[in-house]
C-alpha atoms as a PDB file:
ATOM      1  CA  MET A   1      18.824 -20.940 -52.663  1.00  0.00           C
ATOM      2  CA  ALA A   2      19.865 -17.899 -50.619  1.00  0.00           C
ATOM      3  CA  LYS A   3      20.253 -14.587 -52.440  1.00  0.00           C
ATOM      4  CA  LEU A   4      23.904 -13.509 -52.618  1.00  0.00           C
ATOM      5  CA  LYS A   5      24.814 -10.007 -51.464  1.00  0.00           C
ATOM      6  CA  ILE A   6      26.440  -8.835 -54.682  1.00  0.00           C
ATOM      7  CA  GLY A   7      24.832  -8.828 -58.094  1.00  0.00           C
ATOM      8  CA  THR A   8      26.242  -8.189 -61.528  1.00  0.00           C
ATOM      9  CA  LEU A   9      29.689  -6.647 -61.738  1.00  0.00           C
ATOM     10  CA  PRO A  10      29.757  -2.971 -62.723  1.00  0.00           C
ATOM     11  CA  ASP A  11      31.758  -1.876 -65.755  1.00  0.00           C
ATOM     12  CA  ASP A  12      34.045   0.779 -64.253  1.00  0.00           C
ATOM     13  CA  LYS A  13      37.591   2.015 -64.886  1.00  0.00           C
ATOM     14  CA  PRO A  14      39.734  -0.124 -62.572  1.00  0.00           C
ATOM     15  CA  VAL A  15      42.612   0.848 -60.308  1.00  0.00           C
ATOM     16  CA  LYS A  16      45.253  -1.869 -60.040  1.00  0.00           C
ATOM     17  CA  VAL A  17      45.882  -3.173 -56.504  1.00  0.00           C
ATOM     18  CA  ASN A  18      47.914  -6.233 -55.537  1.00  0.00           C
ATOM     19  CA  VAL A  19      46.468  -8.185 -52.619  1.00  0.00           C
ATOM     20  CA  GLU A  20      47.820 -11.095 -50.630  1.00  0.00           C
ATOM     21  CA  MET A  21      45.300 -13.275 -48.837  1.00  0.00           C
ATOM     22  CA  PRO A  22      45.314 -16.550 -46.961  1.00  0.00           C
ATOM     23  CA  ALA A  23      44.772 -19.608 -49.154  1.00  0.00           C
ATOM     24  CA  SER A  24      41.559 -20.394 -47.265  1.00  0.00           C
ATOM     25  CA  VAL A  25      40.132 -16.963 -48.160  1.00  0.00           C
ATOM     26  CA  HIS A  26      41.085 -17.508 -51.809  1.00  0.00           C
ATOM     27  CA  ARG A  27      39.344 -20.887 -51.811  1.00  0.00           C
ATOM     28  CA  ASP A  28      36.224 -19.248 -50.384  1.00  0.00           C
ATOM     29  CA  LEU A  29      36.440 -16.496 -53.014  1.00  0.00           C
ATOM     30  CA  VAL A  30      36.610 -19.094 -55.786  1.00  0.00           C
ATOM     31  CA  ALA A  31      33.652 -20.955 -54.251  1.00  0.00           C
ATOM     32  CA  TYR A  32      31.695 -17.687 -54.007  1.00  0.00           C
ATOM     33  CA  ALA A  33      32.444 -16.931 -57.665  1.00  0.00           C
ATOM     34  CA  LYS A  34      31.097 -20.345 -58.639  1.00  0.00           C
ATOM     35  CA  ALA A  35      27.950 -19.828 -56.561  1.00  0.00           C
ATOM     36  CA  LEU A  36      27.420 -16.372 -58.063  1.00  0.00           C
ATOM     37  CA  ALA A  37      27.917 -17.723 -61.592  1.00  0.00           C
ATOM     38  CA  ASN A  38      25.356 -20.454 -60.920  1.00  0.00           C
ATOM     39  CA  GLU A  39      22.852 -17.973 -59.483  1.00  0.00           C
ATOM     40  CA  SER A  40      23.270 -15.218 -62.050  1.00  0.00           C
ATOM     41  CA  GLY A  41      24.077 -17.248 -65.138  1.00  0.00           C
ATOM     42  CA  GLN A  42      26.991 -14.849 -65.681  1.00  0.00           C
ATOM     43  CA  PRO A  43      30.333 -16.688 -65.849  1.00  0.00           C
ATOM     44  CA  ILE A  44      33.029 -15.338 -63.511  1.00  0.00           C
ATOM     45  CA  SER A  45      36.379 -15.942 -65.200  1.00  0.00           C
ATOM     46  CA  ASP A  46      38.417 -14.100 -62.540  1.00  0.00           C
ATOM     47  CA  PRO A  47      37.233 -14.457 -58.921  1.00  0.00           C
ATOM     48  CA  GLY A  48      39.504 -11.516 -58.028  1.00  0.00           C
ATOM     49  CA  LYS A  49      36.988  -9.231 -59.759  1.00  0.00           C
ATOM     50  CA  LEU A  50      34.597  -9.965 -56.894  1.00  0.00           C
ATOM     51  CA  ILE A  51      36.875  -8.337 -54.311  1.00  0.00           C
ATOM     52  CA  ALA A  52      35.935  -4.724 -55.166  1.00  0.00           C
ATOM     53  CA  PRO A  53      32.142  -5.224 -55.056  1.00  0.00           C
ATOM     54  CA  MET A  54      32.510  -7.257 -51.854  1.00  0.00           C
ATOM     55  CA  LEU A  55      34.549  -4.491 -50.214  1.00  0.00           C
ATOM     56  CA  ALA A  56      32.137  -1.833 -51.447  1.00  0.00           C
ATOM     57  CA  ARG A  57      29.196  -3.792 -50.014  1.00  0.00           C
ATOM     58  CA  PHE A  58      31.021  -4.309 -46.726  1.00  0.00           C
ATOM     59  CA  MET A  59      31.842  -0.602 -46.362  1.00  0.00           C
ATOM     60  CA  ALA A  60      28.319   0.449 -47.369  1.00  0.00           C
ATOM     61  CA  THR A  61      26.810  -1.721 -44.632  1.00  0.00           C
ATOM     62  CA  ASP A  62      29.365  -0.947 -41.888  1.00  0.00           C
ATOM     63  CA  ARG A  63      27.474   1.408 -39.572  1.00  0.00           C
ATOM     64  CA  GLY A  64      30.586   2.595 -37.757  1.00  0.00           C
ATOM     65  CA  PHE A  65      32.295   3.504 -41.021  1.00  0.00           C
ATOM     66  CA  THR A  66      29.154   5.231 -42.307  1.00  0.00           C
ATOM     67  CA  LYS A  67      28.958   7.316 -39.122  1.00  0.00           C
ATOM     68  CA  LEU A  68      32.626   8.314 -39.337  1.00  0.00           C
ATOM     69  CA  ARG A  69      32.296   9.135 -43.023  1.00  0.00           C
ATOM     70  CA  ARG A  70      29.239  11.352 -42.447  1.00  0.00           C
ATOM     71  CA  ALA A  71      30.984  13.155 -39.589  1.00  0.00           C
ATOM     72  CA  SER A  72      34.079  13.689 -41.722  1.00  0.00           C
ATOM     73  CA  GLN A  73      32.015  15.008 -44.653  1.00  0.00           C
ATOM     74  CA  SER A  74      30.081  17.415 -42.451  1.00  0.00           C
ATOM     75  CA  ARG A  75      33.332  18.769 -40.929  1.00  0.00           C
ATOM     76  CA  ALA A  76      34.768  19.221 -44.445  1.00  0.00           C
ATOM     77  CA  GLY A  77      31.626  21.136 -45.461  1.00  0.00           C
ATOM     78  CA  ASP A  78      31.912  23.459 -42.453  1.00  0.00           C
ATOM     79  CA  GLY A  79      35.328  24.810 -43.516  1.00  0.00           C
END
């Protein structure tokens, strides 16, 4: 079986955000939660809890975003 990109869910103080998504994306999220539960042995009672780690992983691996973020941080440090 292929290794999934996110692992165990971190225990962090949440910020509440309401999100609307297409039904097809929600179905895929539910399917991903099931696959992750099977792989990790950790039950996922709320697939919505996967959204934050998925977004974090996406942003961490987005080279364009990383470049912009570094440039922004270096400009902030120059002031």
